[in-house]
């Protein structure tokens, strides 16, 4: 599964849409953030790590780094 597919699957599984997430990102960043912009970043693989962390927070996840055993 690609990162794009993984993020989209997590968004959908929590009952959100790309449009809803983009609207929340727009509020957080206090700037224009369209669903098309988000979809394009996911498709191209140019999404920033901070944006991924914010998306996770919006939909109720937390990203943690766990050391391999």
PDB file of N, CA and C in Angstrom:
ATOM      1  N   UNK A   1       0.842  -1.176   0.000  1.00  0.00           N
ATOM      2  CA  UNK A   1       0.000   0.000   0.000  1.00  0.00           C
ATOM      3  C   UNK A   1       0.891   1.244   0.000  1.00  0.00           C
ATOM      4  N   UNK A   2       0.602   2.183  -0.876  1.00  0.00           N
ATOM      5  CA  UNK A   2       1.375   3.424  -0.931  1.00  0.00           C
ATOM      6  C   UNK A   2       0.967   4.335   0.220  1.00  0.00           C
ATOM      7  N   UNK A   3       1.814   5.315   0.504  1.00  0.00           N
ATOM      8  CA  UNK A   3       1.507   6.266   1.573  1.00  0.00           C
ATOM      9  C   UNK A   3       0.216   7.015   1.258  1.00  0.00           C
ATOM     10  N   UNK A   4       0.014   7.329  -0.021  1.00  0.00           N
ATOM     11  CA  UNK A   4      -1.214   8.012  -0.439  1.00  0.00           C
ATOM     12  C   UNK A   4      -2.425   7.161  -0.082  1.00  0.00           C
ATOM     13  N   UNK A   5      -2.365   5.887  -0.435  1.00  0.00           N
ATOM     14  CA  UNK A   5      -3.486   4.988  -0.162  1.00  0.00           C
ATOM     15  C   UNK A   5      -3.689   4.784   1.338  1.00  0.00           C
ATOM     16  N   UNK A   6      -2.578   4.714   2.065  1.00  0.00           N
ATOM     17  CA  UNK A   6      -2.659   4.514   3.511  1.00  0.00           C
ATOM     18  C   UNK A   6      -3.322   5.708   4.198  1.00  0.00           C
ATOM     19  N   UNK A   7      -2.910   6.911   3.818  1.00  0.00           N
ATOM     20  CA  UNK A   7      -3.491   8.119   4.423  1.00  0.00           C
ATOM     21  C   UNK A   7      -4.962   8.234   4.063  1.00  0.00           C
ATOM     22  N   UNK A   8      -5.292   8.022   2.785  1.00  0.00           N
ATOM     23  CA  UNK A   8      -6.693   8.101   2.370  1.00  0.00           C
ATOM     24  C   UNK A   8      -7.542   7.057   3.089  1.00  0.00           C
ATOM     25  N   UNK A   9      -7.012   5.848   3.255  1.00  0.00           N
ATOM     26  CA  UNK A   9      -7.754   4.786   3.947  1.00  0.00           C
ATOM     27  C   UNK A   9      -8.014   5.164   5.402  1.00  0.00           C
ATOM     28  N   UNK A  10      -7.016   5.763   6.058  1.00  0.00           N
ATOM     29  CA  UNK A  10      -7.189   6.184   7.453  1.00  0.00           C
ATOM     30  C   UNK A  10      -8.234   7.291   7.553  1.00  0.00           C
ATOM     31  N   UNK A  11      -8.196   8.231   6.620  1.00  0.00           N
ATOM     32  CA  UNK A  11      -9.169   9.326   6.604  1.00  0.00           C
ATOM     33  C   UNK A  11     -10.583   8.764   6.471  1.00  0.00           C
ATOM     34  N   UNK A  12     -10.764   7.878   5.508  1.00  0.00           N
ATOM     35  CA  UNK A  12     -12.088   7.314   5.248  1.00  0.00           C
ATOM     36  C   UNK A  12     -12.556   6.434   6.403  1.00  0.00           C
ATOM     37  N   UNK A  13     -11.628   5.646   6.959  1.00  0.00           N
ATOM     38  CA  UNK A  13     -12.023   4.731   8.045  1.00  0.00           C
ATOM     39  C   UNK A  13     -12.498   5.470   9.285  1.00  0.00           C
ATOM     40  N   UNK A  14     -12.059   6.704   9.453  1.00  0.00           N
ATOM     41  CA  UNK A  14     -12.492   7.509  10.596  1.00  0.00           C
ATOM     42  C   UNK A  14     -13.724   8.364  10.266  1.00  0.00           C
ATOM     43  N   UNK A  15     -14.287   8.168   9.069  1.00  0.00           N
ATOM     44  CA  UNK A  15     -15.520   8.864   8.702  1.00  0.00           C
ATOM     45  C   UNK A  15     -15.333  10.263   8.153  1.00  0.00           C
ATOM     46  N   UNK A  16     -14.113  10.591   7.769  1.00  0.00           N
ATOM     47  CA  UNK A  16     -13.810  11.900   7.201  1.00  0.00           C
ATOM     48  C   UNK A  16     -13.745  11.802   5.678  1.00  0.00           C
ATOM     49  N   UNK A  17     -13.789  12.948   5.021  1.00  0.00           N
ATOM     50  CA  UNK A  17     -13.532  13.028   3.584  1.00  0.00           C
ATOM     51  C   UNK A  17     -12.310  13.916   3.376  1.00  0.00           C
ATOM     52  N   UNK A  18     -11.738  13.845   2.196  1.00  0.00           N
ATOM     53  CA  UNK A  18     -10.608  14.720   1.853  1.00  0.00           C
ATOM     54  C   UNK A  18     -11.048  16.171   1.981  1.00  0.00           C
ATOM     55  N   UNK A  19     -12.279  16.450   1.571  1.00  0.00           N
ATOM     56  CA  UNK A  19     -12.810  17.816   1.652  1.00  0.00           C
ATOM     57  C   UNK A  19     -12.861  18.295   3.102  1.00  0.00           C
ATOM     58  N   UNK A  20     -13.331  17.435   4.011  1.00  0.00           N
ATOM     59  CA  UNK A  20     -13.402  17.792   5.432  1.00  0.00           C
ATOM     60  C   UNK A  20     -12.014  18.053   6.011  1.00  0.00           C
ATOM     61  N   UNK A  21     -11.076  17.173   5.688  1.00  0.00           N
ATOM     62  CA  UNK A  21      -9.706  17.311   6.206  1.00  0.00           C
ATOM     63  C   UNK A  21      -9.067  18.584   5.661  1.00  0.00           C
ATOM     64  N   UNK A  22      -9.270  18.859   4.374  1.00  0.00           N
ATOM     65  CA  UNK A  22      -8.712  20.074   3.778  1.00  0.00           C
ATOM     66  C   UNK A  22      -9.278  21.316   4.461  1.00  0.00           C
ATOM     67  N   UNK A  23     -10.559  21.288   4.792  1.00  0.00           N
ATOM     68  CA  UNK A  23     -11.181  22.431   5.488  1.00  0.00           C
ATOM     69  C   UNK A  23     -10.555  22.629   6.869  1.00  0.00           C
ATOM     70  N   UNK A  24     -10.286  21.547   7.576  1.00  0.00           N
ATOM     71  CA  UNK A  24      -9.642  21.653   8.886  1.00  0.00           C
ATOM     72  C   UNK A  24      -8.202  22.159   8.760  1.00  0.00           C
ATOM     73  N   UNK A  25      -7.481  21.680   7.742  1.00  0.00           N
ATOM     74  CA  UNK A  25      -6.113  22.169   7.514  1.00  0.00           C
ATOM     75  C   UNK A  25      -6.130  23.659   7.184  1.00  0.00           C
ATOM     76  N   UNK A  26      -7.127  24.084   6.423  1.00  0.00           N
ATOM     77  CA  UNK A  26      -7.270  25.500   6.080  1.00  0.00           C
ATOM     78  C   UNK A  26      -7.423  26.336   7.351  1.00  0.00           C
ATOM     79  N   UNK A  27      -8.211  25.845   8.303  1.00  0.00           N
ATOM     80  CA  UNK A  27      -8.386  26.555   9.575  1.00  0.00           C
ATOM     81  C   UNK A  27      -7.077  26.602  10.367  1.00  0.00           C
ATOM     82  N   UNK A  28      -6.370  25.477  10.417  1.00  0.00           N
ATOM     83  CA  UNK A  28      -5.124  25.408  11.191  1.00  0.00           C
ATOM     84  C   UNK A  28      -4.036  26.291  10.607  1.00  0.00           C
ATOM     85  N   UNK A  29      -3.952  26.311   9.292  1.00  0.00           N
ATOM     86  CA  UNK A  29      -2.888  27.072   8.628  1.00  0.00           C
ATOM     87  C   UNK A  29      -3.305  28.505   8.328  1.00  0.00           C
ATOM     88  N   UNK A  30      -4.595  28.811   8.555  1.00  0.00           N
ATOM     89  CA  UNK A  30      -5.123  30.144   8.299  1.00  0.00           C
ATOM     90  C   UNK A  30      -4.790  30.616   6.886  1.00  0.00           C
ATOM     91  N   UNK A  31      -4.935  29.695   5.941  1.00  0.00           N
ATOM     92  CA  UNK A  31      -4.705  30.015   4.530  1.00  0.00           C
ATOM     93  C   UNK A  31      -5.489  29.041   3.671  1.00  0.00           C
ATOM     94  N   UNK A  32      -5.572  29.339   2.410  1.00  0.00           N
ATOM     95  CA  UNK A  32      -6.317  28.512   1.474  1.00  0.00           C
ATOM     96  C   UNK A  32      -5.700  27.116   1.365  1.00  0.00           C
ATOM     97  N   UNK A  33      -6.522  26.093   1.525  1.00  0.00           N
ATOM     98  CA  UNK A  33      -6.056  24.706   1.441  1.00  0.00           C
ATOM     99  C   UNK A  33      -7.200  23.888   0.857  1.00  0.00           C
ATOM    100  N   UNK A  34      -7.176  23.682  -0.444  1.00  0.00           N
ATOM    101  CA  UNK A  34      -8.292  23.034  -1.119  1.00  0.00           C
ATOM    102  C   UNK A  34      -8.167  21.510  -1.103  1.00  0.00           C
ATOM    103  N   UNK A  35      -9.291  20.819  -1.271  1.00  0.00           N
ATOM    104  CA  UNK A  35      -9.245  19.365  -1.382  1.00  0.00           C
ATOM    105  C   UNK A  35      -8.380  18.916  -2.561  1.00  0.00           C
ATOM    106  N   UNK A  36      -8.413  19.683  -3.641  1.00  0.00           N
ATOM    107  CA  UNK A  36      -7.590  19.363  -4.813  1.00  0.00           C
ATOM    108  C   UNK A  36      -6.108  19.467  -4.477  1.00  0.00           C
ATOM    109  N   UNK A  37      -5.744  20.483  -3.703  1.00  0.00           N
ATOM    110  CA  UNK A  37      -4.362  20.669  -3.276  1.00  0.00           C
ATOM    111  C   UNK A  37      -3.897  19.468  -2.451  1.00  0.00           C
ATOM    112  N   UNK A  38      -4.733  19.052  -1.503  1.00  0.00           N
ATOM    113  CA  UNK A  38      -4.391  17.906  -0.670  1.00  0.00           C
ATOM    114  C   UNK A  38      -4.282  16.638  -1.507  1.00  0.00           C
ATOM    115  N   UNK A  39      -5.238  16.404  -2.372  1.00  0.00           N
ATOM    116  CA  UNK A  39      -5.200  15.213  -3.228  1.00  0.00           C
ATOM    117  C   UNK A  39      -3.971  15.199  -4.122  1.00  0.00           C
ATOM    118  N   UNK A  40      -3.624  16.356  -4.670  1.00  0.00           N
ATOM    119  CA  UNK A  40      -2.433  16.438  -5.534  1.00  0.00           C
ATOM    120  C   UNK A  40      -1.156  16.162  -4.752  1.00  0.00           C
ATOM    121  N   UNK A  41      -1.062  16.693  -3.532  1.00  0.00           N
ATOM    122  CA  UNK A  41       0.128  16.433  -2.715  1.00  0.00           C
ATOM    123  C   UNK A  41       0.250  14.946  -2.398  1.00  0.00           C
ATOM    124  N   UNK A  42      -0.869  14.305  -2.094  1.00  0.00           N
ATOM    125  CA  UNK A  42      -0.845  12.874  -1.815  1.00  0.00           C
ATOM    126  C   UNK A  42      -0.457  12.086  -3.076  1.00  0.00           C
ATOM    127  N   UNK A  43      -1.041  12.454  -4.201  1.00  0.00           N
ATOM    128  CA  UNK A  43      -0.772  11.743  -5.455  1.00  0.00           C
ATOM    129  C   UNK A  43       0.684  11.878  -5.875  1.00  0.00           C
ATOM    130  N   UNK A  44       1.235  13.085  -5.735  1.00  0.00           N
ATOM    131  CA  UNK A  44       2.623  13.339  -6.153  1.00  0.00           C
ATOM    132  C   UNK A  44       3.646  12.922  -5.101  1.00  0.00           C
ATOM    133  N   UNK A  45       3.188  12.690  -3.890  1.00  0.00           N
ATOM    134  CA  UNK A  45       4.109  12.350  -2.807  1.00  0.00           C
ATOM    135  C   UNK A  45       4.891  13.542  -2.302  1.00  0.00           C
ATOM    136  N   UNK A  46       4.302  14.727  -2.396  1.00  0.00           N
ATOM    137  CA  UNK A  46       4.988  15.955  -1.977  1.00  0.00           C
ATOM    138  C   UNK A  46       4.420  16.533  -0.681  1.00  0.00           C
ATOM    139  N   UNK A  47       3.620  15.761   0.013  1.00  0.00           N
ATOM    140  CA  UNK A  47       3.040  16.235   1.265  1.00  0.00           C
ATOM    141  C   UNK A  47       4.131  16.327   2.330  1.00  0.00           C
ATOM    142  N   UNK A  48       4.088  17.369   3.129  1.00  0.00           N
ATOM    143  CA  UNK A  48       5.087  17.575   4.181  1.00  0.00           C
ATOM    144  C   UNK A  48       4.749  16.716   5.399  1.00  0.00           C
ATOM    145  N   UNK A  49       5.782  16.353   6.124  1.00  0.00           N
ATOM    146  CA  UNK A  49       5.602  15.550   7.327  1.00  0.00           C
ATOM    147  C   UNK A  49       4.691  16.263   8.323  1.00  0.00           C
ATOM    148  N   UNK A  50       4.834  17.561   8.476  1.00  0.00           N
ATOM    149  CA  UNK A  50       3.975  18.319   9.388  1.00  0.00           C
ATOM    150  C   UNK A  50       2.513  18.213   8.960  1.00  0.00           C
ATOM    151  N   UNK A  51       2.259  18.239   7.669  1.00  0.00           N
ATOM    152  CA  UNK A  51       0.888  18.099   7.179  1.00  0.00           C
ATOM    153  C   UNK A  51       0.334  16.712   7.518  1.00  0.00           C
ATOM    154  N   UNK A  52       1.160  15.686   7.385  1.00  0.00           N
ATOM    155  CA  UNK A  52       0.738  14.329   7.721  1.00  0.00           C
ATOM    156  C   UNK A  52       0.425  14.243   9.214  1.00  0.00           C
ATOM    157  N   UNK A  53       1.270  14.853  10.051  1.00  0.00           N
ATOM    158  CA  UNK A  53       1.015  14.867  11.489  1.00  0.00           C
ATOM    159  C   UNK A  53      -0.288  15.596  11.802  1.00  0.00           C
ATOM    160  N   UNK A  54      -0.535  16.698  11.116  1.00  0.00           N
ATOM    161  CA  UNK A  54      -1.773  17.444  11.335  1.00  0.00           C
ATOM    162  C   UNK A  54      -2.989  16.647  10.885  1.00  0.00           C
ATOM    163  N   UNK A  55      -2.883  15.963   9.756  1.00  0.00           N
ATOM    164  CA  UNK A  55      -3.985  15.122   9.282  1.00  0.00           C
ATOM    165  C   UNK A  55      -4.271  14.032  10.313  1.00  0.00           C
ATOM    166  N   UNK A  56      -3.216  13.399  10.809  1.00  0.00           N
ATOM    167  CA  UNK A  56      -3.385  12.354  11.820  1.00  0.00           C
ATOM    168  C   UNK A  56      -4.105  12.912  13.045  1.00  0.00           C
ATOM    169  N   UNK A  57      -3.699  14.080  13.496  1.00  0.00           N
ATOM    170  CA  UNK A  57      -4.322  14.706  14.658  1.00  0.00           C
ATOM    171  C   UNK A  57      -5.794  15.013  14.394  1.00  0.00           C
ATOM    172  N   UNK A  58      -6.097  15.535  13.226  1.00  0.00           N
ATOM    173  CA  UNK A  58      -7.468  15.887  12.868  1.00  0.00           C
ATOM    174  C   UNK A  58      -8.376  14.671  12.921  1.00  0.00           C
ATOM    175  N   UNK A  59      -7.909  13.539  12.412  1.00  0.00           N
ATOM    176  CA  UNK A  59      -8.774  12.355  12.339  1.00  0.00           C
ATOM    177  C   UNK A  59      -8.650  11.447  13.564  1.00  0.00           C
ATOM    178  N   UNK A  60      -7.853  11.878  14.544  1.00  0.00           N
ATOM    179  CA  UNK A  60      -7.811  11.154  15.804  1.00  0.00           C
ATOM    180  C   UNK A  60      -6.681  10.149  15.954  1.00  0.00           C
ATOM    181  N   UNK A  61      -5.599  10.353  15.224  1.00  0.00           N
ATOM    182  CA  UNK A  61      -4.432   9.490  15.349  1.00  0.00           C
ATOM    183  C   UNK A  61      -3.242  10.295  15.852  1.00  0.00           C
ATOM    184  N   UNK A  62      -2.244   9.594  16.326  1.00  0.00           N
ATOM    185  CA  UNK A  62      -0.993  10.206  16.735  1.00  0.00           C
ATOM    186  C   UNK A  62       0.133   9.388  16.111  1.00  0.00           C
ATOM    187  N   UNK A  63       1.072  10.058  15.492  1.00  0.00           N
ATOM    188  CA  UNK A  63       2.208   9.369  14.883  1.00  0.00           C
ATOM    189  C   UNK A  63       3.318   9.285  15.921  1.00  0.00           C
ATOM    190  N   UNK A  64       3.800   8.073  16.150  1.00  0.00           N
ATOM    191  CA  UNK A  64       4.885   7.858  17.096  1.00  0.00           C
ATOM    192  C   UNK A  64       5.978   7.048  16.427  1.00  0.00           C
ATOM    193  N   UNK A  65       7.202   7.356  16.793  1.00  0.00           N
ATOM    194  CA  UNK A  65       8.354   6.583  16.321  1.00  0.00           C
ATOM    195  C   UNK A  65       8.662   5.544  17.382  1.00  0.00           C
ATOM    196  N   UNK A  66       8.707   4.299  16.971  1.00  0.00           N
ATOM    197  CA  UNK A  66       8.980   3.204  17.899  1.00  0.00           C
ATOM    198  C   UNK A  66      10.250   2.502  17.438  1.00  0.00           C
ATOM    199  N   UNK A  67      11.164   2.344  18.366  1.00  0.00           N
ATOM    200  CA  UNK A  67      12.427   1.678  18.067  1.00  0.00           C
ATOM    201  C   UNK A  67      12.175   0.193  17.837  1.00  0.00           C
ATOM    202  N   UNK A  68      12.789  -0.326  16.782  1.00  0.00           N
ATOM    203  CA  UNK A  68      12.689  -1.753  16.504  1.00  0.00           C
ATOM    204  C   UNK A  68      13.427  -2.538  17.573  1.00  0.00           C
ATOM    205  N   UNK A  69      12.895  -3.669  17.895  1.00  0.00           N
ATOM    206  CA  UNK A  69      13.523  -4.538  18.893  1.00  0.00           C
ATOM    207  C   UNK A  69      14.578  -5.417  18.256  1.00  0.00           C
TER     208      UNK A  69
END
